[in-house]
């Protein structure tokens, strides 16, 4: 008999990941997917108390503490703030405070 026929076939070793590694990898990928979706695609609600702001500004205008020119400048500032919020956060929806009951991030107007 030759040496080739008398040898037993070698056992092939499996070097792939085990069950624990697969489970850990699946959990990491699932968490990364959820976090990525939340940060990049999920709609978020921002609220604006426009009615309260306008009420305050009208009271200041009626009391003589603001001129009409200052009042129009402040309204332009509100528009600029809303435009910058909309462009910097495209997945945020801006809603009036009267509509939202709770759990909204408020936009502060100074």
N, C-alpha and C. Protein backbone atom coordinates (compact mmCIF):
# COMPACT_ATOMS: atom_id res chain seq x y z
N UNK A 1 0.82 -1.18 0.00
CA UNK A 1 0.00 0.00 0.00
C UNK A 1 0.86 1.24 0.00
N UNK A 2 0.37 2.20 -0.66
CA UNK A 2 1.12 3.44 -0.70
C UNK A 2 0.70 4.32 0.47
N UNK A 3 1.49 5.37 0.65
CA UNK A 3 1.22 6.27 1.78
C UNK A 3 -0.07 7.04 1.59
N UNK A 4 -0.44 7.34 0.39
CA UNK A 4 -1.63 8.14 0.11
C UNK A 4 -2.90 7.41 0.51
N UNK A 5 -2.98 6.15 0.32
CA UNK A 5 -4.18 5.41 0.65
C UNK A 5 -4.27 5.08 2.13
N UNK A 6 -3.15 5.01 2.81
CA UNK A 6 -3.18 4.66 4.23
C UNK A 6 -3.48 5.87 5.12
N UNK A 7 -3.33 7.08 4.60
CA UNK A 7 -3.63 8.27 5.40
C UNK A 7 -5.13 8.45 5.54
N UNK A 8 -5.49 8.91 6.67
CA UNK A 8 -6.90 9.23 6.87
C UNK A 8 -7.11 10.69 6.47
N UNK A 9 -8.27 10.99 5.95
CA UNK A 9 -8.50 12.39 5.54
C UNK A 9 -8.47 13.29 6.78
N UNK A 10 -7.88 14.47 6.58
CA UNK A 10 -7.77 15.43 7.68
C UNK A 10 -9.14 16.05 7.95
N UNK A 11 -9.38 16.32 9.21
CA UNK A 11 -10.63 16.97 9.57
C UNK A 11 -10.51 18.45 9.23
N UNK A 12 -11.54 18.96 8.60
CA UNK A 12 -11.53 20.38 8.29
C UNK A 12 -12.04 21.14 9.52
N UNK A 13 -11.29 22.15 9.91
CA UNK A 13 -11.69 22.93 11.08
C UNK A 13 -12.54 24.10 10.63
N UNK A 14 -13.52 24.38 11.42
CA UNK A 14 -14.44 25.49 11.13
C UNK A 14 -13.93 26.70 11.88
N UNK A 15 -13.60 27.77 11.16
CA UNK A 15 -13.04 28.97 11.80
C UNK A 15 -14.00 30.15 11.76
N UNK A 16 -15.27 29.93 11.50
CA UNK A 16 -16.25 31.01 11.45
C UNK A 16 -16.65 31.45 12.84
N UNK A 17 -17.48 32.49 12.91
CA UNK A 17 -17.91 32.98 14.22
C UNK A 17 -18.87 32.00 14.89
N UNK A 18 -18.83 32.00 16.19
CA UNK A 18 -19.72 31.14 16.96
C UNK A 18 -21.05 31.82 17.20
N UNK A 19 -21.90 31.14 17.95
CA UNK A 19 -23.23 31.70 18.22
C UNK A 19 -23.15 33.02 18.98
N UNK A 20 -22.29 33.11 19.96
CA UNK A 20 -22.18 34.33 20.75
C UNK A 20 -21.74 35.51 19.90
N UNK A 21 -20.77 35.29 19.02
CA UNK A 21 -20.30 36.37 18.16
C UNK A 21 -21.39 36.83 17.20
N UNK A 22 -22.16 35.90 16.68
CA UNK A 22 -23.24 36.24 15.75
C UNK A 22 -24.32 37.05 16.47
N UNK A 23 -24.66 36.65 17.69
CA UNK A 23 -25.67 37.37 18.46
C UNK A 23 -25.20 38.78 18.77
N UNK A 24 -23.96 38.93 19.21
CA UNK A 24 -23.41 40.25 19.52
C UNK A 24 -23.37 41.13 18.27
N UNK A 25 -22.95 40.57 17.16
CA UNK A 25 -22.89 41.32 15.91
C UNK A 25 -24.29 41.76 15.47
N UNK A 26 -25.28 40.90 15.60
CA UNK A 26 -26.65 41.26 15.24
C UNK A 26 -27.18 42.36 16.14
N UNK A 27 -26.89 42.31 17.44
CA UNK A 27 -27.34 43.36 18.36
C UNK A 27 -26.69 44.70 18.04
N UNK A 28 -25.41 44.68 17.73
CA UNK A 28 -24.70 45.93 17.40
C UNK A 28 -25.25 46.54 16.12
N UNK A 29 -25.46 45.72 15.11
CA UNK A 29 -25.99 46.24 13.84
C UNK A 29 -27.43 46.75 14.00
N UNK A 30 -28.23 46.07 14.81
CA UNK A 30 -29.60 46.53 15.04
C UNK A 30 -29.60 47.87 15.77
N UNK A 31 -28.77 48.01 16.79
CA UNK A 31 -28.69 49.27 17.53
C UNK A 31 -28.20 50.39 16.63
N UNK A 32 -27.21 50.13 15.80
CA UNK A 32 -26.69 51.16 14.90
C UNK A 32 -27.75 51.58 13.89
N UNK A 33 -28.56 50.65 13.42
CA UNK A 33 -29.62 50.97 12.47
C UNK A 33 -30.68 51.85 13.11
N UNK A 34 -31.09 51.50 14.31
CA UNK A 34 -32.12 52.30 15.00
C UNK A 34 -31.61 53.70 15.30
N UNK A 35 -30.38 53.82 15.78
CA UNK A 35 -29.81 55.13 16.10
C UNK A 35 -29.65 55.96 14.82
N UNK A 36 -29.17 55.35 13.76
CA UNK A 36 -29.01 56.07 12.49
C UNK A 36 -30.34 56.55 11.94
N UNK A 37 -31.36 55.72 12.01
CA UNK A 37 -32.69 56.11 11.54
C UNK A 37 -33.24 57.27 12.37
N UNK A 38 -33.06 57.18 13.69
CA UNK A 38 -33.58 58.23 14.56
C UNK A 38 -32.89 59.56 14.30
N UNK A 39 -31.63 59.55 14.07
CA UNK A 39 -30.89 60.81 13.86
C UNK A 39 -31.07 61.39 12.47
N UNK A 40 -31.24 60.54 11.45
CA UNK A 40 -31.22 61.05 10.09
C UNK A 40 -32.59 61.13 9.42
N UNK A 41 -33.52 60.25 9.76
CA UNK A 41 -34.75 60.17 9.00
C UNK A 41 -36.02 60.41 9.80
N UNK A 42 -36.04 60.11 11.07
CA UNK A 42 -37.27 60.20 11.86
C UNK A 42 -37.71 61.65 12.02
N UNK A 43 -39.01 61.89 11.90
CA UNK A 43 -39.55 63.23 12.06
C UNK A 43 -39.57 63.62 13.53
N UNK A 44 -39.10 64.81 13.81
CA UNK A 44 -39.12 65.36 15.17
C UNK A 44 -40.02 66.59 15.16
N UNK A 45 -40.62 66.88 16.31
CA UNK A 45 -41.54 68.02 16.40
C UNK A 45 -40.88 69.13 17.20
N UNK A 46 -40.85 70.31 16.62
CA UNK A 46 -40.42 71.52 17.33
C UNK A 46 -41.63 72.42 17.42
N UNK A 47 -41.78 73.08 18.56
CA UNK A 47 -42.95 73.92 18.75
C UNK A 47 -42.54 75.38 18.87
N UNK A 48 -43.46 76.25 18.52
CA UNK A 48 -43.23 77.69 18.56
C UNK A 48 -44.46 78.35 19.17
N UNK A 49 -44.24 79.16 20.19
CA UNK A 49 -45.33 79.90 20.83
C UNK A 49 -45.47 81.25 20.14
N UNK A 50 -45.99 81.21 18.93
CA UNK A 50 -46.11 82.42 18.13
C UNK A 50 -47.19 83.34 18.69
N UNK A 51 -48.28 82.77 19.16
CA UNK A 51 -49.37 83.58 19.70
C UNK A 51 -48.91 84.35 20.95
N UNK A 52 -48.19 83.69 21.83
CA UNK A 52 -47.67 84.36 23.03
C UNK A 52 -46.65 85.42 22.69
N UNK A 53 -45.79 85.14 21.72
CA UNK A 53 -44.79 86.12 21.30
C UNK A 53 -45.46 87.36 20.71
N UNK A 54 -46.44 87.15 19.84
CA UNK A 54 -47.13 88.29 19.23
C UNK A 54 -47.91 89.09 20.27
N UNK A 55 -48.50 88.40 21.23
CA UNK A 55 -49.23 89.10 22.29
C UNK A 55 -48.28 89.99 23.09
N UNK A 56 -47.12 89.48 23.41
CA UNK A 56 -46.13 90.27 24.16
C UNK A 56 -45.66 91.47 23.34
N UNK A 57 -45.38 91.23 22.06
CA UNK A 57 -44.90 92.32 21.22
C UNK A 57 -45.97 93.41 21.01
N UNK A 58 -47.23 93.00 20.88
CA UNK A 58 -48.31 93.98 20.74
C UNK A 58 -48.49 94.80 22.02
N UNK A 59 -48.31 94.13 23.17
CA UNK A 59 -48.42 94.86 24.44
C UNK A 59 -47.28 95.87 24.57
N UNK A 60 -46.07 95.50 24.15
CA UNK A 60 -44.95 96.43 24.19
C UNK A 60 -45.16 97.58 23.21
N UNK A 61 -45.75 97.28 22.07
CA UNK A 61 -46.03 98.32 21.08
C UNK A 61 -47.10 99.28 21.60
N UNK A 62 -48.13 98.74 22.24
CA UNK A 62 -49.20 99.58 22.78
C UNK A 62 -48.71 100.43 23.94
N UNK A 63 -47.74 99.90 24.72
CA UNK A 63 -47.22 100.65 25.85
C UNK A 63 -46.20 101.70 25.41
N UNK A 64 -45.81 101.68 24.17
CA UNK A 64 -44.86 102.67 23.67
C UNK A 64 -43.41 102.27 23.88
N UNK A 65 -43.16 101.04 24.29
CA UNK A 65 -41.77 100.59 24.50
C UNK A 65 -41.12 100.14 23.20
N UNK A 66 -41.93 99.90 22.17
CA UNK A 66 -41.41 99.54 20.85
C UNK A 66 -41.98 100.49 19.82
N UNK A 67 -41.18 100.80 18.82
CA UNK A 67 -41.70 101.56 17.69
C UNK A 67 -42.18 100.54 16.65
N UNK A 68 -42.92 101.02 15.66
CA UNK A 68 -43.40 100.11 14.63
C UNK A 68 -42.25 99.53 13.82
N UNK A 69 -41.20 100.31 13.66
CA UNK A 69 -40.03 99.82 12.93
C UNK A 69 -39.36 98.69 13.71
N UNK A 70 -39.22 98.83 15.03
CA UNK A 70 -38.64 97.76 15.85
C UNK A 70 -39.53 96.53 15.81
N UNK A 71 -40.84 96.74 15.80
CA UNK A 71 -41.78 95.62 15.77
C UNK A 71 -41.63 94.82 14.48
N UNK A 72 -41.54 95.53 13.34
CA UNK A 72 -41.37 94.83 12.06
C UNK A 72 -40.01 94.15 11.99
N UNK A 73 -38.97 94.75 12.59
CA UNK A 73 -37.66 94.11 12.62
C UNK A 73 -37.71 92.82 13.44
N UNK A 74 -38.44 92.83 14.55
CA UNK A 74 -38.56 91.63 15.38
C UNK A 74 -39.34 90.53 14.64
N UNK A 75 -40.36 90.92 13.87
CA UNK A 75 -41.08 89.94 13.08
C UNK A 75 -40.20 89.33 11.99
N UNK A 76 -39.35 90.17 11.39
CA UNK A 76 -38.39 89.65 10.41
C UNK A 76 -37.39 88.69 11.08
N UNK A 77 -37.01 89.00 12.32
CA UNK A 77 -36.11 88.12 13.06
C UNK A 77 -36.76 86.77 13.31
N UNK A 78 -38.05 86.77 13.64
CA UNK A 78 -38.78 85.51 13.85
C UNK A 78 -38.77 84.69 12.56
N UNK A 79 -39.00 85.35 11.44
CA UNK A 79 -38.99 84.65 10.16
C UNK A 79 -37.61 84.07 9.86
N UNK A 80 -36.56 84.82 10.16
CA UNK A 80 -35.20 84.33 9.95
C UNK A 80 -34.89 83.12 10.85
N UNK A 81 -35.34 83.18 12.10
CA UNK A 81 -35.13 82.06 13.02
C UNK A 81 -35.83 80.81 12.50
N UNK A 82 -37.07 80.97 12.06
CA UNK A 82 -37.81 79.83 11.52
C UNK A 82 -37.16 79.27 10.25
N UNK A 83 -36.69 80.15 9.38
CA UNK A 83 -36.01 79.69 8.17
C UNK A 83 -34.72 78.96 8.49
N UNK A 84 -33.96 79.47 9.45
CA UNK A 84 -32.70 78.80 9.80
C UNK A 84 -32.96 77.45 10.47
N UNK A 85 -34.01 77.37 11.31
CA UNK A 85 -34.37 76.09 11.92
C UNK A 85 -34.79 75.08 10.86
N UNK A 86 -35.55 75.54 9.87
CA UNK A 86 -36.04 74.64 8.83
C UNK A 86 -34.91 74.13 7.94
N UNK A 87 -33.94 74.99 7.64
CA UNK A 87 -32.84 74.56 6.77
C UNK A 87 -31.80 73.73 7.50
N UNK A 88 -31.57 74.02 8.78
CA UNK A 88 -30.54 73.27 9.51
C UNK A 88 -31.03 71.90 9.98
N UNK A 89 -32.33 71.73 10.13
CA UNK A 89 -32.90 70.46 10.57
C UNK A 89 -34.03 70.06 9.62
N UNK A 90 -33.71 69.43 8.49
CA UNK A 90 -34.76 69.14 7.52
C UNK A 90 -35.78 68.10 7.98
N UNK A 91 -35.46 67.30 8.99
CA UNK A 91 -36.42 66.29 9.45
C UNK A 91 -37.21 66.76 10.66
N UNK A 92 -37.16 68.06 10.96
CA UNK A 92 -37.96 68.62 12.05
C UNK A 92 -39.19 69.31 11.48
N UNK A 93 -40.31 69.12 12.16
CA UNK A 93 -41.56 69.77 11.78
C UNK A 93 -41.83 70.85 12.81
N UNK A 94 -42.09 72.07 12.36
CA UNK A 94 -42.37 73.18 13.28
C UNK A 94 -43.88 73.38 13.34
N UNK A 95 -44.41 73.29 14.57
CA UNK A 95 -45.86 73.38 14.79
C UNK A 95 -46.10 74.43 15.87
N UNK A 96 -47.26 75.08 15.81
CA UNK A 96 -47.61 76.05 16.84
C UNK A 96 -47.82 75.35 18.19
N UNK A 97 -47.51 76.06 19.25
CA UNK A 97 -47.60 75.49 20.59
C UNK A 97 -49.04 75.14 20.96
N UNK A 98 -50.01 75.84 20.40
CA UNK A 98 -51.42 75.57 20.68
C UNK A 98 -51.84 74.18 20.22
N UNK A 99 -51.16 73.64 19.23
CA UNK A 99 -51.53 72.36 18.64
C UNK A 99 -50.92 71.19 19.40
N UNK A 100 -49.71 71.37 19.93
CA UNK A 100 -48.97 70.28 20.58
C UNK A 100 -49.34 70.22 22.05
N UNK A 101 -49.67 69.04 22.51
CA UNK A 101 -50.05 68.87 23.90
C UNK A 101 -48.83 68.72 24.80
N UNK A 102 -47.87 67.88 24.39
CA UNK A 102 -46.64 67.70 25.17
C UNK A 102 -45.56 67.06 24.31
N UNK A 103 -44.36 66.97 24.87
CA UNK A 103 -43.20 66.30 24.26
C UNK A 103 -42.71 66.95 22.99
N UNK A 104 -42.70 68.26 22.94
CA UNK A 104 -42.12 68.96 21.81
C UNK A 104 -41.01 69.87 22.30
N UNK A 105 -39.97 70.01 21.49
CA UNK A 105 -38.87 70.93 21.82
C UNK A 105 -39.24 72.32 21.34
N UNK A 106 -39.26 73.27 22.27
CA UNK A 106 -39.70 74.62 21.94
C UNK A 106 -38.57 75.44 21.35
N UNK A 107 -38.90 76.21 20.33
CA UNK A 107 -37.96 77.15 19.72
C UNK A 107 -38.08 78.44 20.52
N UNK A 108 -36.99 78.91 21.06
CA UNK A 108 -36.99 80.13 21.86
C UNK A 108 -36.73 81.33 20.96
N UNK A 109 -37.61 82.31 21.04
CA UNK A 109 -37.45 83.55 20.28
C UNK A 109 -37.11 84.65 21.27
N UNK A 110 -36.03 85.35 20.99
CA UNK A 110 -35.60 86.40 21.89
C UNK A 110 -35.96 87.76 21.35
